Amino acid sequence: MEQALHILIEVKKLEQIDVPGGDVLKVANLHELDKFGEVYFSEIRGGFIKAWKKHSQMTLRLVVPVGMVRFVFFDEGAKRKLHDVSIGRENYSLITVPPGIWFGFRGIGFDLNLVMNIADIMHDPNEIERLDLDDIEFNWGDL
């Protein structure tokens, strides 16, 4: 089961272009997106944790253009970690997460960290399930 989830969650390196005065951070082009619903940003301060959430219909495409964020994905049945990845400017990547996977994230940059989601559907609060932080046992560690 663990191997199957690693296959479902795709982590793709993204291009950064060095430009005097500020870099260009590429994310995606239309040919790479099978469906598009909306783009939204979620802020998370360093040391804070937002967990746990599962989307029943939405595919997430997560990018961290500012700061650094640790994402953890869990197997619902076994309640165990199956994938753990940190992305941001130092590991500039796109994480694609299909529906049905529990996840949480922690700001590991020291100030404001910014998560962008390129969702395949519009936000619908009825397709989201939430658990309290303590409902899934996981040690997020110290900063």
Foldseek 3Di string as FASTA:
>chain_A
DLVVQVVQKDKFFWDWADDPPDIDTDADDPVVDPAFADKDKDKAAAPDKDDKKFFQAKKWWKWWADAKKKKWKADVVVLDTRDIDMHYPVRTIIIIHGGDIIMMMHGNGHGMIMMMIRIRHHDDPVRMDGDDPPPRDDDPDDD
